[in-house]
Structures are given as structure tokens and as C-alpha cells.
């Protein structure tokens, strides 16, 4: 089963909503203007709604065999008041949440840049898929489950090796074996 669910409650216009109450202490600490207050209100509501969905999903029978992928389609327009300099203000606008979650997986934080093109290879890696593929992107958890990939000379097209090892293969002439940690 594949399901794609889109939420739009954090999209512009980000006005304050009753379901997303933000404490006065937080607003004061962040020196939040009306626009940022609206964004925080929408985030609060979305966080609680998505959290409730995830909790119910993983308590259900379906949750035992589910890989949940949560990704934003773009960053926020508002400048976070907590950024320390202009570069941080600018960079924070382009951060997009990306979460992979199963019922029993241990949390792993990835501290390197990731892109939406990394989603498909990561799903394939988590599921243990082994097939010839042609996509951009890399498995973000390669180190966690020991996968290896073959890359063509431009370093972009990847092929998951069937047995997670790298061996010469006539069908893959011109490819080089590299550890995904490189």
C-alpha cells in the first residue's frame, strides 16, 4: 500500500488559528511579530495533528509493517528570530523536514545535507531492495544497514548491489564500487 497525504495548513497565509495556541512566554522570548506568530500557530497545530496521526498509526496493526516518510515541499518564508547572523537567517529559510519512521526503528540523526532525491534510495535501502536502478540521490542510512552502491563515472547514477558487496560484473562495465560513507 502506498499513500500520499498532503497537508496545507502551514502554507501561506500563515495566520494565527485557535487550534494552534502559542504561549505568550514563547512569543516574547522569540520577539515574534504577527507573521511569525501565525507560522508558529500553524506549526503547533500541524505538529499536534501529525503527531496524533503517527501515534494512532503505529498503535494499529498496519503500523507494524509501515514505513512512514514525512517531507516538506519547501522551507518557510519567515526569518527565524533566533538565527544569529544573516547567513543563518538565509539558510534557515531553505531547511525542509525529512523524517523516516517505523514502529520499532531506533532513532538515527543524519548530520549531512540531504535532498528530496535521496528519498527513493533511502526507502529502497530501508526495505532491503536489491535491483538495478537509475536515480539520483543516495541512501541516507547506508551506514546503518551496510549497503553499498555502484556509481557511474559522473558519480550520480547509482545501482544497489544485489548482495551488498561489490564484485566485477559484465553488465555493470564502467562502474566503480564505492562505500556510501565516502
Foldseek 3Di string as FASTA:
>chain_A
DDDDDDDCLLPPPQAADPQQDDDPVVCVVQVDDRSVNSNNSSVRNVVVVVVVVLVVLCVDPNLQPDKDWDKDPFFDPDFRSPDDDPVSSVVNRGDMDIDIDGNDDDDDDQPDDADPQQVVQQVCVVVVNADFDFGFHHRSCCVVRQWWWKAAPVRGTTHTHNVRDDDDDPVPPRIDTDRPVD
